[in-house]
Amino acid sequence: MIPVPSNTRVWLAAGVTDMRRGFNSLAAQAEQVLAEDPYCGHLFVFRGRRGDLLKIIWWDSQGACLFSKRLEKGRFVWPGAKAGKVSVTAAQLSMLLEGIDWRMPARTWTPLTSG
């Protein structure tokens, strides 16, 4: 797992991204399309057309990081919007990377009620 500092924001780039792009091209997309500074320390997540490949760019104050993950089976759950960005938590990113539907996670327990 990526060691994400607690104050780091995670942005999903809605829509489809050309997965042939490297850090520089994805950073330019984050800056121009998402209107965010790619060197601010936030994570920017991009998904390919087939939906089984993600790329994440992150500037960790020492240098540029480019992570990628491809699912052997299934597809990453992605926002339905065609453009723009969606902010998610680090926990939602973890679920996303595991192939879990991060949008509506269900609790496995029910809180006790007094009465």
PDB file of N, CA and C in Angstrom:
ATOM      1  N   MET A   1       0.841  -1.183   0.000  1.00  0.00           N
ATOM      2  CA  MET A   1       0.000   0.000   0.000  1.00  0.00           C
ATOM      3  C   MET A   1       0.885   1.245   0.000  1.00  0.00           C
ATOM      4  N   ILE A   2       0.389   2.282  -0.607  1.00  0.00           N
ATOM      5  CA  ILE A   2       1.102   3.550  -0.669  1.00  0.00           C
ATOM      6  C   ILE A   2       1.054   4.199   0.712  1.00  0.00           C
ATOM      7  N   PRO A   3       2.187   4.629   1.256  1.00  0.00           N
ATOM      8  CA  PRO A   3       2.194   5.257   2.594  1.00  0.00           C
ATOM      9  C   PRO A   3       1.659   6.686   2.533  1.00  0.00           C
ATOM     10  N   VAL A   4       0.345   6.821   2.570  1.00  0.00           N
ATOM     11  CA  VAL A   4      -0.302   8.117   2.400  1.00  0.00           C
ATOM     12  C   VAL A   4      -0.330   8.868   3.726  1.00  0.00           C
ATOM     13  N   PRO A   5       0.280  10.050   3.800  1.00  0.00           N
ATOM     14  CA  PRO A   5       0.186  10.862   5.013  1.00  0.00           C
ATOM     15  C   PRO A   5      -1.268  11.241   5.292  1.00  0.00           C
ATOM     16  N   SER A   6      -1.604  11.455   6.549  1.00  0.00           N
ATOM     17  CA  SER A   6      -2.996  11.672   6.950  1.00  0.00           C
ATOM     18  C   SER A   6      -3.629  12.916   6.331  1.00  0.00           C
ATOM     19  N   ASN A   7      -2.858  13.932   6.020  1.00  0.00           N
ATOM     20  CA  ASN A   7      -3.431  15.162   5.469  1.00  0.00           C
ATOM     21  C   ASN A   7      -3.478  15.173   3.936  1.00  0.00           C
ATOM     22  N   THR A   8      -3.192  14.042   3.293  1.00  0.00           N
ATOM     23  CA  THR A   8      -3.154  13.960   1.842  1.00  0.00           C
ATOM     24  C   THR A   8      -4.550  13.757   1.278  1.00  0.00           C
ATOM     25  N   ARG A   9      -4.899  14.512   0.257  1.00  0.00           N
ATOM     26  CA  ARG A   9      -6.176  14.325  -0.435  1.00  0.00           C
ATOM     27  C   ARG A   9      -5.972  13.358  -1.592  1.00  0.00           C
ATOM     28  N   VAL A  10      -7.020  12.624  -1.911  1.00  0.00           N
ATOM     29  CA  VAL A  10      -6.980  11.667  -3.013  1.00  0.00           C
ATOM     30  C   VAL A  10      -8.043  12.092  -4.025  1.00  0.00           C
ATOM     31  N   TRP A  11      -7.618  12.288  -5.270  1.00  0.00           N
ATOM     32  CA  TRP A  11      -8.524  12.734  -6.334  1.00  0.00           C
ATOM     33  C   TRP A  11      -8.621  11.664  -7.410  1.00  0.00           C
ATOM     34  N   LEU A  12      -9.852  11.290  -7.777  1.00  0.00           N
ATOM     35  CA  LEU A  12     -10.083  10.402  -8.904  1.00  0.00           C
ATOM     36  C   LEU A  12     -10.409  11.266 -10.110  1.00  0.00           C
ATOM     37  N   ALA A  13      -9.729  11.032 -11.210  1.00  0.00           N
ATOM     38  CA  ALA A  13     -10.023  11.754 -12.449  1.00  0.00           C
ATOM     39  C   ALA A  13     -11.171  11.022 -13.135  1.00  0.00           C
ATOM     40  N   ALA A  14     -12.360  11.628 -13.124  1.00  0.00           N
ATOM     41  CA  ALA A  14     -13.533  10.991 -13.723  1.00  0.00           C
ATOM     42  C   ALA A  14     -13.310  10.794 -15.215  1.00  0.00           C
ATOM     43  N   GLY A  15     -13.988   9.812 -15.769  1.00  0.00           N
ATOM     44  CA  GLY A  15     -13.846   9.533 -17.189  1.00  0.00           C
ATOM     45  C   GLY A  15     -12.711   8.561 -17.459  1.00  0.00           C
ATOM     46  N   VAL A  16     -12.259   8.549 -18.685  1.00  0.00           N
ATOM     47  CA  VAL A  16     -11.247   7.594 -19.144  1.00  0.00           C
ATOM     48  C   VAL A  16      -9.951   8.327 -19.458  1.00  0.00           C
ATOM     49  N   THR A  17      -8.833   7.707 -19.113  1.00  0.00           N
ATOM     50  CA  THR A  17      -7.508   8.281 -19.364  1.00  0.00           C
ATOM     51  C   THR A  17      -6.703   7.330 -20.241  1.00  0.00           C
ATOM     52  N   ASP A  18      -5.910   7.884 -21.136  1.00  0.00           N
ATOM     53  CA  ASP A  18      -5.003   7.104 -21.974  1.00  0.00           C
ATOM     54  C   ASP A  18      -3.898   6.549 -21.071  1.00  0.00           C
ATOM     55  N   MET A  19      -3.844   5.240 -20.925  1.00  0.00           N
ATOM     56  CA  MET A  19      -2.894   4.608 -20.007  1.00  0.00           C
ATOM     57  C   MET A  19      -1.471   4.528 -20.563  1.00  0.00           C
ATOM     58  N   ARG A  20      -1.253   5.055 -21.759  1.00  0.00           N
ATOM     59  CA  ARG A  20       0.117   5.130 -22.277  1.00  0.00           C
ATOM     60  C   ARG A  20       0.863   6.314 -21.672  1.00  0.00           C
ATOM     61  N   ARG A  21       0.148   7.187 -20.984  1.00  0.00           N
ATOM     62  CA  ARG A  21       0.744   8.391 -20.408  1.00  0.00           C
ATOM     63  C   ARG A  21       1.639   8.050 -19.215  1.00  0.00           C
ATOM     64  N   GLY A  22       2.684   8.862 -19.057  1.00  0.00           N
ATOM     65  CA  GLY A  22       3.583   8.749 -17.923  1.00  0.00           C
ATOM     66  C   GLY A  22       3.315   9.860 -16.914  1.00  0.00           C
ATOM     67  N   PHE A  23       4.243  10.040 -15.978  1.00  0.00           N
ATOM     68  CA  PHE A  23       4.036  11.027 -14.914  1.00  0.00           C
ATOM     69  C   PHE A  23       3.820  12.429 -15.475  1.00  0.00           C
ATOM     70  N   ASN A  24       4.666  12.869 -16.399  1.00  0.00           N
ATOM     71  CA  ASN A  24       4.565  14.244 -16.909  1.00  0.00           C
ATOM     72  C   ASN A  24       3.225  14.519 -17.580  1.00  0.00           C
ATOM     73  N   SER A  25       2.758  13.598 -18.410  1.00  0.00           N
ATOM     74  CA  SER A  25       1.470  13.782 -19.094  1.00  0.00           C
ATOM     75  C   SER A  25       0.312  13.746 -18.111  1.00  0.00           C
ATOM     76  N   LEU A  26       0.363  12.836 -17.142  1.00  0.00           N
ATOM     77  CA  LEU A  26      -0.705  12.759 -16.149  1.00  0.00           C
ATOM     78  C   LEU A  26      -0.686  13.985 -15.235  1.00  0.00           C
ATOM     79  N   ALA A  27       0.503  14.487 -14.913  1.00  0.00           N
ATOM     80  CA  ALA A  27       0.604  15.710 -14.108  1.00  0.00           C
ATOM     81  C   ALA A  27       0.003  16.896 -14.867  1.00  0.00           C
ATOM     82  N   ALA A  28       0.247  16.951 -16.165  1.00  0.00           N
ATOM     83  CA  ALA A  28      -0.342  18.025 -16.975  1.00  0.00           C
ATOM     84  C   ALA A  28      -1.861  17.904 -16.993  1.00  0.00           C
ATOM     85  N   GLN A  29      -2.383  16.676 -17.058  1.00  0.00           N
ATOM     86  CA  GLN A  29      -3.834  16.474 -17.021  1.00  0.00           C
ATOM     87  C   GLN A  29      -4.402  16.906 -15.673  1.00  0.00           C
ATOM     88  N   ALA A  30      -3.704  16.594 -14.586  1.00  0.00           N
ATOM     89  CA  ALA A  30      -4.158  17.008 -13.258  1.00  0.00           C
ATOM     90  C   ALA A  30      -4.206  18.526 -13.155  1.00  0.00           C
ATOM     91  N   GLU A  31      -3.232  19.172 -13.751  1.00  0.00           N
ATOM     92  CA  GLU A  31      -3.154  20.632 -13.686  1.00  0.00           C
ATOM     93  C   GLU A  31      -4.192  21.314 -14.580  1.00  0.00           C
ATOM     94  N   GLN A  32      -4.339  20.835 -15.802  1.00  0.00           N
ATOM     95  CA  GLN A  32      -5.216  21.503 -16.771  1.00  0.00           C
ATOM     96  C   GLN A  32      -6.677  21.092 -16.626  1.00  0.00           C
ATOM     97  N   VAL A  33      -6.938  19.793 -16.547  1.00  0.00           N
ATOM     98  CA  VAL A  33      -8.316  19.299 -16.531  1.00  0.00           C
ATOM     99  C   VAL A  33      -8.913  19.313 -15.133  1.00  0.00           C
ATOM    100  N   LEU A  34      -8.131  18.867 -14.145  1.00  0.00           N
ATOM    101  CA  LEU A  34      -8.650  18.777 -12.781  1.00  0.00           C
ATOM    102  C   LEU A  34      -8.460  20.067 -11.991  1.00  0.00           C
ATOM    103  N   ALA A  35      -7.696  21.002 -12.531  1.00  0.00           N
ATOM    104  CA  ALA A  35      -7.418  22.283 -11.875  1.00  0.00           C
ATOM    105  C   ALA A  35      -6.784  22.102 -10.500  1.00  0.00           C
ATOM    106  N   GLU A  36      -5.822  21.177 -10.415  1.00  0.00           N
ATOM    107  CA  GLU A  36      -5.089  20.927  -9.177  1.00  0.00           C
ATOM    108  C   GLU A  36      -3.597  20.958  -9.465  1.00  0.00           C
ATOM    109  N   ASP A  37      -2.817  21.314  -8.453  1.00  0.00           N
ATOM    110  CA  ASP A  37      -1.367  21.330  -8.580  1.00  0.00           C
ATOM    111  C   ASP A  37      -0.832  19.914  -8.369  1.00  0.00           C
ATOM    112  N   PRO A  38      -0.258  19.281  -9.383  1.00  0.00           N
ATOM    113  CA  PRO A  38       0.218  17.907  -9.243  1.00  0.00           C
ATOM    114  C   PRO A  38       1.421  17.769  -8.317  1.00  0.00           C
ATOM    115  N   TYR A  39       2.023  18.878  -7.927  1.00  0.00           N
ATOM    116  CA  TYR A  39       3.192  18.842  -7.051  1.00  0.00           C
ATOM    117  C   TYR A  39       2.860  19.256  -5.622  1.00  0.00           C
ATOM    118  N   CYS A  40       1.586  19.189  -5.264  1.00  0.00           N
ATOM    119  CA  CYS A  40       1.148  19.614  -3.926  1.00  0.00           C
ATOM    120  C   CYS A  40       1.181  18.476  -2.913  1.00  0.00           C
ATOM    121  N   GLY A  41       1.442  17.256  -3.350  1.00  0.00           N
ATOM    122  CA  GLY A  41       1.492  16.127  -2.426  1.00  0.00           C
ATOM    123  C   GLY A  41       0.222  15.303  -2.381  1.00  0.00           C
ATOM    124  N   HIS A  42      -0.783  15.682  -3.162  1.00  0.00           N
ATOM    125  CA  HIS A  42      -2.009  14.895  -3.222  1.00  0.00           C
ATOM    126  C   HIS A  42      -1.825  13.737  -4.199  1.00  0.00           C
ATOM    127  N   LEU A  43      -2.670  12.716  -4.070  1.00  0.00           N
ATOM    128  CA  LEU A  43      -2.648  11.586  -4.995  1.00  0.00           C
ATOM    129  C   LEU A  43      -3.691  11.815  -6.074  1.00  0.00           C
ATOM    130  N   PHE A  44      -3.328  11.526  -7.314  1.00  0.00           N
ATOM    131  CA  PHE A  44      -4.229  11.655  -8.450  1.00  0.00           C
ATOM    132  C   PHE A  44      -4.342  10.284  -9.101  1.00  0.00           C
ATOM    133  N   VAL A  45      -5.560   9.784  -9.179  1.00  0.00           N
ATOM    134  CA  VAL A  45      -5.811   8.421  -9.654  1.00  0.00           C
ATOM    135  C   VAL A  45      -6.522   8.490 -11.005  1.00  0.00           C
ATOM    136  N   PHE A  46      -6.034   7.712 -11.967  1.00  0.00           N
ATOM    137  CA  PHE A  46      -6.561   7.688 -13.323  1.00  0.00           C
ATOM    138  C   PHE A  46      -6.890   6.249 -13.700  1.00  0.00           C
ATOM    139  N   ARG A  47      -7.973   6.050 -14.463  1.00  0.00           N
ATOM    140  CA  ARG A  47      -8.388   4.713 -14.893  1.00  0.00           C
ATOM    141  C   ARG A  47      -8.426   4.631 -16.402  1.00  0.00           C
ATOM    142  N   GLY A  48      -8.021   3.486 -16.928  1.00  0.00           N
ATOM    143  CA  GLY A  48      -8.028   3.256 -18.362  1.00  0.00           C
ATOM    144  C   GLY A  48      -9.403   2.888 -18.898  1.00  0.00           C
ATOM    145  N   ARG A  49      -9.500   2.774 -20.217  1.00  0.00           N
ATOM    146  CA  ARG A  49     -10.769   2.507 -20.892  1.00  0.00           C
ATOM    147  C   ARG A  49     -11.383   1.169 -20.483  1.00  0.00           C
ATOM    148  N   ARG A  50     -10.579   0.116 -20.399  1.00  0.00           N
ATOM    149  CA  ARG A  50     -11.120  -1.206 -20.051  1.00  0.00           C
ATOM    150  C   ARG A  50     -11.542  -1.290 -18.590  1.00  0.00           C
ATOM    151  N   GLY A  51     -10.985  -0.423 -17.754  1.00  0.00           N
ATOM    152  CA  GLY A  51     -11.379  -0.399 -16.354  1.00  0.00           C
ATOM    153  C   GLY A  51     -10.593  -1.330 -15.452  1.00  0.00           C
ATOM    154  N   ASP A  52      -9.620  -2.041 -15.998  1.00  0.00           N
ATOM    155  CA  ASP A  52      -8.849  -2.967 -15.175  1.00  0.00           C
ATOM    156  C   ASP A  52      -7.461  -2.435 -14.809  1.00  0.00           C
ATOM    157  N   LEU A  53      -7.139  -1.201 -15.230  1.00  0.00           N
ATOM    158  CA  LEU A  53      -5.828  -0.614 -14.958  1.00  0.00           C
ATOM    159  C   LEU A  53      -5.986   0.774 -14.354  1.00  0.00           C
ATOM    160  N   LEU A  54      -5.250   1.012 -13.274  1.00  0.00           N
ATOM    161  CA  LEU A  54      -5.193   2.325 -12.630  1.00  0.00           C
ATOM    162  C   LEU A  54      -3.764   2.815 -12.645  1.00  0.00           C
ATOM    163  N   LYS A  55      -3.613   4.137 -12.714  1.00  0.00           N
ATOM    164  CA  LYS A  55      -2.315   4.777 -12.495  1.00  0.00           C
ATOM    165  C   LYS A  55      -2.521   5.872 -11.461  1.00  0.00           C
ATOM    166  N   ILE A  56      -1.578   5.969 -10.544  1.00  0.00           N
ATOM    167  CA  ILE A  56      -1.623   6.984  -9.489  1.00  0.00           C
ATOM    168  C   ILE A  56      -0.334   7.773  -9.555  1.00  0.00           C
ATOM    169  N   ILE A  57      -0.464   9.106  -9.575  1.00  0.00           N
ATOM    170  CA  ILE A  57       0.732   9.944  -9.491  1.00  0.00           C
ATOM    171  C   ILE A  57       0.732  10.642  -8.144  1.00  0.00           C
ATOM    172  N   TRP A  58       1.940  10.849  -7.636  1.00  0.00           N
ATOM    173  CA  TRP A  58       2.093  11.459  -6.320  1.00  0.00           C
ATOM    174  C   TRP A  58       3.461  12.106  -6.244  1.00  0.00           C
ATOM    175  N   TRP A  59       3.495  13.329  -5.814  1.00  0.00           N
ATOM    176  CA  TRP A  59       4.753  14.033  -5.565  1.00  0.00           C
ATOM    177  C   TRP A  59       4.987  13.946  -4.068  1.00  0.00           C
ATOM    178  N   ASP A  60       6.016  13.232  -3.633  1.00  0.00           N
ATOM    179  CA  ASP A  60       6.231  12.991  -2.201  1.00  0.00           C
ATOM    180  C   ASP A  60       7.243  13.946  -1.577  1.00  0.00           C
ATOM    181  N   SER A  61       7.465  15.088  -2.177  1.00  0.00           N
ATOM    182  CA  SER A  61       8.381  16.155  -1.768  1.00  0.00           C
ATOM    183  C   SER A  61       9.848  15.820  -2.048  1.00  0.00           C
ATOM    184  N   GLN A  62      10.126  14.576  -2.427  1.00  0.00           N
ATOM    185  CA  GLN A  62      11.483  14.211  -2.827  1.00  0.00           C
ATOM    186  C   GLN A  62      11.564  13.915  -4.313  1.00  0.00           C
ATOM    187  N   GLY A  63      10.420  13.572  -4.883  1.00  0.00           N
ATOM    188  CA  GLY A  63      10.408  13.233  -6.294  1.00  0.00           C
ATOM    189  C   GLY A  63       9.039  12.766  -6.740  1.00  0.00           C
ATOM    190  N   ALA A  64       8.957  12.440  -8.014  1.00  0.00           N
ATOM    191  CA  ALA A  64       7.702  12.019  -8.627  1.00  0.00           C
ATOM    192  C   ALA A  64       7.541  10.513  -8.513  1.00  0.00           C
ATOM    193  N   CYS A  65       6.338  10.092  -8.117  1.00  0.00           N
ATOM    194  CA  CYS A  65       6.022   8.670  -8.018  1.00  0.00           C
ATOM    195  C   CYS A  65       4.903   8.351  -8.995  1.00  0.00           C
ATOM    196  N   LEU A  66       5.028   7.225  -9.675  1.00  0.00           N
ATOM    197  CA  LEU A  66       3.988   6.740 -10.570  1.00  0.00           C
ATOM    198  C   LEU A  66       3.726   5.290 -10.211  1.00  0.00           C
ATOM    199  N   PHE A  67       2.508   5.017  -9.728  1.00  0.00           N
ATOM    200  CA  PHE A  67       2.111   3.671  -9.349  1.00  0.00           C
ATOM    201  C   PHE A  67       1.082   3.177 -10.350  1.00  0.00           C
ATOM    202  N   SER A  68       1.069   1.892 -10.599  1.00  0.00           N
ATOM    203  CA  SER A  68       0.032   1.322 -11.452  1.00  0.00           C
ATOM    204  C   SER A  68      -0.420  -0.005 -10.863  1.00  0.00           C
ATOM    205  N   LYS A  69      -1.691  -0.332 -11.104  1.00  0.00           N
ATOM    206  CA  LYS A  69      -2.230  -1.617 -10.669  1.00  0.00           C
ATOM    207  C   LYS A  69      -3.201  -2.104 -11.722  1.00  0.00           C
ATOM    208  N   ARG A  70      -3.062  -3.378 -12.078  1.00  0.00           N
ATOM    209  CA  ARG A  70      -3.964  -4.012 -13.032  1.00  0.00           C
ATOM    210  C   ARG A  70      -4.634  -5.174 -12.314  1.00  0.00           C
ATOM    211  N   LEU A  71      -5.969  -5.243 -12.413  1.00  0.00           N
ATOM    212  CA  LEU A  71      -6.717  -6.358 -11.840  1.00  0.00           C
ATOM    213  C   LEU A  71      -6.676  -7.547 -12.793  1.00  0.00           C
ATOM    214  N   GLU A  72      -6.466  -8.729 -12.251  1.00  0.00           N
ATOM    215  CA  GLU A  72      -6.491  -9.937 -13.063  1.00  0.00           C
ATOM    216  C   GLU A  72      -7.909 -10.275 -13.495  1.00  0.00           C
ATOM    217  N   LYS A  73      -8.880 -10.017 -12.590  1.00  0.00           N
ATOM    218  CA  LYS A  73     -10.293 -10.273 -12.882  1.00  0.00           C
ATOM    219  C   LYS A  73     -11.097  -9.076 -12.409  1.00  0.00           C
ATOM    220  N   GLY A  74     -12.121  -8.727 -13.157  1.00  0.00           N
ATOM    221  CA  GLY A  74     -12.995  -7.641 -12.745  1.00  0.00           C
ATOM    222  C   GLY A  74     -12.498  -6.282 -13.193  1.00  0.00           C
ATOM    223  N   ARG A  75     -13.203  -5.255 -12.704  1.00  0.00           N
ATOM    224  CA  ARG A  75     -12.893  -3.869 -13.050  1.00  0.00           C
ATOM    225  C   ARG A  75     -12.932  -3.009 -11.802  1.00  0.00           C
ATOM    226  N   PHE A  76     -12.188  -1.917 -11.839  1.00  0.00           N
ATOM    227  CA  PHE A  76     -12.217  -0.968 -10.739  1.00  0.00           C
ATOM    228  C   PHE A  76     -13.533  -0.200 -10.766  1.00  0.00           C
ATOM    229  N   VAL A  77     -14.149  -0.014  -9.601  1.00  0.00           N
ATOM    230  CA  VAL A  77     -15.386   0.762  -9.500  1.00  0.00           C
ATOM    231  C   VAL A  77     -15.011   2.229  -9.655  1.00  0.00           C
ATOM    232  N   TRP A  78     -15.684   2.914 -10.576  1.00  0.00           N
ATOM    233  CA  TRP A  78     -15.304   4.279 -10.941  1.00  0.00           C
ATOM    234  C   TRP A  78     -16.526   5.181 -10.953  1.00  0.00           C
ATOM    235  N   PRO A  79     -16.362   6.470 -10.665  1.00  0.00           N
ATOM    236  CA  PRO A  79     -17.507   7.388 -10.731  1.00  0.00           C
ATOM    237  C   PRO A  79     -18.117   7.419 -12.130  1.00  0.00           C
ATOM    238  N   GLY A  80     -19.427   7.617 -12.208  1.00  0.00           N
ATOM    239  CA  GLY A  80     -20.120   7.625 -13.485  1.00  0.00           C
ATOM    240  C   GLY A  80     -19.922   8.894 -14.297  1.00  0.00           C
ATOM    241  N   ALA A  81     -19.395   9.949 -13.684  1.00  0.00           N
ATOM    242  CA  ALA A  81     -19.204  11.219 -14.397  1.00  0.00           C
ATOM    243  C   ALA A  81     -18.210  11.045 -15.543  1.00  0.00           C
ATOM    244  N   LYS A  82     -18.411  11.790 -16.605  1.00  0.00           N
ATOM    245  CA  LYS A  82     -17.532  11.726 -17.782  1.00  0.00           C
ATOM    246  C   LYS A  82     -16.333  12.664 -17.677  1.00  0.00           C
ATOM    247  N   ALA A  83     -16.416  13.663 -16.809  1.00  0.00           N
ATOM    248  CA  ALA A  83     -15.326  14.629 -16.662  1.00  0.00           C
ATOM    249  C   ALA A  83     -15.324  15.148 -15.230  1.00  0.00           C
ATOM    250  N   GLY A  84     -14.227  15.784 -14.864  1.00  0.00           N
ATOM    251  CA  GLY A  84     -14.114  16.364 -13.532  1.00  0.00           C
ATOM    252  C   GLY A  84     -13.321  15.484 -12.599  1.00  0.00           C
ATOM    253  N   LYS A  85     -13.546  15.681 -11.311  1.00  0.00           N
ATOM    254  CA  LYS A  85     -12.780  14.946 -10.307  1.00  0.00           C
ATOM    255  C   LYS A  85     -13.683  14.614  -9.133  1.00  0.00           C
ATOM    256  N   VAL A  86     -13.296  13.583  -8.409  1.00  0.00           N
ATOM    257  CA  VAL A  86     -14.014  13.137  -7.224  1.00  0.00           C
ATOM    258  C   VAL A  86     -12.989  12.950  -6.123  1.00  0.00           C
ATOM    259  N   SER A  87     -13.267  13.500  -4.947  1.00  0.00           N
ATOM    260  CA  SER A  87     -12.374  13.333  -3.796  1.00  0.00           C
ATOM    261  C   SER A  87     -12.811  12.112  -3.005  1.00  0.00           C
ATOM    262  N   VAL A  88     -11.855  11.265  -2.642  1.00  0.00           N
ATOM    263  CA  VAL A  88     -12.137  10.089  -1.814  1.00  0.00           C
ATOM    264  C   VAL A  88     -11.167  10.072  -0.639  1.00  0.00           C
ATOM    265  N   THR A  89     -11.489   9.299   0.372  1.00  0.00           N
ATOM    266  CA  THR A  89     -10.615   9.161   1.534  1.00  0.00           C
ATOM    267  C   THR A  89      -9.556   8.096   1.248  1.00  0.00           C
ATOM    268  N   ALA A  90      -8.549   8.046   2.104  1.00  0.00           N
ATOM    269  CA  ALA A  90      -7.516   7.015   1.970  1.00  0.00           C
ATOM    270  C   ALA A  90      -8.124   5.627   2.142  1.00  0.00           C
ATOM    271  N   ALA A  91      -9.129   5.495   3.019  1.00  0.00           N
ATOM    272  CA  ALA A  91      -9.807   4.205   3.221  1.00  0.00           C
ATOM    273  C   ALA A  91     -10.556   3.799   1.955  1.00  0.00           C
ATOM    274  N   GLN A  92     -11.228   4.752   1.302  1.00  0.00           N
ATOM    275  CA  GLN A  92     -11.922   4.457   0.052  1.00  0.00           C
ATOM    276  C   GLN A  92     -10.935   4.074  -1.042  1.00  0.00           C
ATOM    277  N   LEU A  93      -9.774   4.731  -1.066  1.00  0.00           N
ATOM    278  CA  LEU A  93      -8.739   4.369  -2.030  1.00  0.00           C
ATOM    279  C   LEU A  93      -8.281   2.931  -1.795  1.00  0.00           C
ATOM    280  N   SER A  94      -8.108   2.544  -0.545  1.00  0.00           N
ATOM    281  CA  SER A  94      -7.712   1.167  -0.232  1.00  0.00           C
ATOM    282  C   SER A  94      -8.726   0.167  -0.760  1.00  0.00           C
ATOM    283  N   MET A  95     -10.022   0.481  -0.554  1.00  0.00           N
ATOM    284  CA  MET A  95     -11.069  -0.410  -1.068  1.00  0.00           C
ATOM    285  C   MET A  95     -11.033  -0.449  -2.587  1.00  0.00           C
ATOM    286  N   LEU A  96     -10.879   0.699  -3.209  1.00  0.00           N
ATOM    287  CA  LEU A  96     -10.812   0.780  -4.665  1.00  0.00           C
ATOM    288  C   LEU A  96      -9.685  -0.098  -5.198  1.00  0.00           C
ATOM    289  N   LEU A  97      -8.505  -0.010  -4.588  1.00  0.00           N
ATOM    290  CA  LEU A  97      -7.349  -0.785  -5.039  1.00  0.00           C
ATOM    291  C   LEU A  97      -7.538  -2.283  -4.844  1.00  0.00           C
ATOM    292  N   GLU A  98      -8.412  -2.665  -3.914  1.00  0.00           N
ATOM    293  CA  GLU A  98      -8.709  -4.083  -3.687  1.00  0.00           C
ATOM    294  C   GLU A  98      -9.839  -4.584  -4.571  1.00  0.00           C
ATOM    295  N   GLY A  99     -10.430  -3.698  -5.383  1.00  0.00           N
ATOM    296  CA  GLY A  99     -11.527  -4.093  -6.249  1.00  0.00           C
ATOM    297  C   GLY A  99     -12.875  -4.105  -5.551  1.00  0.00           C
ATOM    298  N   ILE A 100     -12.966  -3.449  -4.389  1.00  0.00           N
ATOM    299  CA  ILE A 100     -14.201  -3.380  -3.612  1.00  0.00           C
ATOM    300  C   ILE A 100     -14.962  -2.123  -4.001  1.00  0.00           C
ATOM    301  N   ASP A 101     -16.297  -2.208  -3.996  1.00  0.00           N
ATOM    302  CA  ASP A 101     -17.119  -1.039  -4.301  1.00  0.00           C
ATOM    303  C   ASP A 101     -17.018  -0.056  -3.140  1.00  0.00           C
ATOM    304  N   TRP A 102     -16.248   0.993  -3.312  1.00  0.00           N
ATOM    305  CA  TRP A 102     -15.965   1.969  -2.255  1.00  0.00           C
ATOM    306  C   TRP A 102     -17.093   2.969  -2.058  1.00  0.00           C
ATOM    307  N   ARG A 103     -18.056   3.018  -2.999  1.00  0.00           N
ATOM    308  CA  ARG A 103     -19.099   4.036  -2.942  1.00  0.00           C
ATOM    309  C   ARG A 103     -20.123   3.779  -1.845  1.00  0.00           C
ATOM    310  N   MET A 104     -20.474   2.535  -1.607  1.00  0.00           N
ATOM    311  CA  MET A 104     -21.497   2.200  -0.620  1.00  0.00           C
ATOM    312  C   MET A 104     -21.047   1.003   0.218  1.00  0.00           C
ATOM    313  N   PRO A 105     -19.967   1.144   0.991  1.00  0.00           N
ATOM    314  CA  PRO A 105     -19.527  -0.002   1.784  1.00  0.00           C
ATOM    315  C   PRO A 105     -20.564  -0.332   2.857  1.00  0.00           C
ATOM    316  N   ALA A 106     -20.782  -1.596   3.075  1.00  0.00           N
ATOM    317  CA  ALA A 106     -21.761  -2.036   4.071  1.00  0.00           C
ATOM    318  C   ALA A 106     -21.043  -2.461   5.343  1.00  0.00           C
ATOM    319  N   ARG A 107     -21.611  -2.096   6.465  1.00  0.00           N
ATOM    320  CA  ARG A 107     -21.038  -2.530   7.742  1.00  0.00           C
ATOM    321  C   ARG A 107     -21.319  -4.010   7.945  1.00  0.00           C
ATOM    322  N   THR A 108     -20.404  -4.669   8.586  1.00  0.00           N
ATOM    323  CA  THR A 108     -20.583  -6.098   8.856  1.00  0.00           C
ATOM    324  C   THR A 108     -21.125  -6.319  10.255  1.00  0.00           C
ATOM    325  N   TRP A 109     -21.379  -5.242  10.968  1.00  0.00           N
ATOM    326  CA  TRP A 109     -21.939  -5.341  12.312  1.00  0.00           C
ATOM    327  C   TRP A 109     -23.001  -4.263  12.483  1.00  0.00           C
ATOM    328  N   THR A 110     -23.846  -4.448  13.447  1.00  0.00           N
ATOM    329  CA  THR A 110     -24.860  -3.442  13.753  1.00  0.00           C
ATOM    330  C   THR A 110     -24.606  -2.934  15.168  1.00  0.00           C
ATOM    331  N   PRO A 111     -24.707  -1.646  15.375  1.00  0.00           N
ATOM    332  CA  PRO A 111     -24.452  -1.109  16.705  1.00  0.00           C
ATOM    333  C   PRO A 111     -25.539  -1.571  17.676  1.00  0.00           C
ATOM    334  N   LEU A 112     -25.134  -1.784  18.923  1.00  0.00           N
ATOM    335  CA  LEU A 112     -26.091  -2.169  19.959  1.00  0.00           C
ATOM    336  C   LEU A 112     -26.975  -0.990  20.305  1.00  0.00           C
ATOM    337  N   THR A 113     -28.224  -1.243  20.495  1.00  0.00           N
ATOM    338  CA  THR A 113     -29.144  -0.181  20.896  1.00  0.00           C
ATOM    339  C   THR A 113     -29.517  -0.388  22.342  1.00  0.00           C
ATOM    340  N   SER A 114     -29.626   0.684  23.052  1.00  0.00           N
ATOM    341  CA  SER A 114     -30.028   0.567  24.450  1.00  0.00           C
ATOM    342  C   SER A 114     -31.550   0.594  24.520  1.00  0.00           C
ATOM    343  N   GLY A 115     -32.073  -0.152  25.419  1.00  0.00           N
ATOM    344  CA  GLY A 115     -33.512  -0.097  25.528  1.00  0.00           C
ATOM    345  C   GLY A 115     -34.142  -1.251  26.104  1.00  0.00           C
TER     346      GLY A 115
END
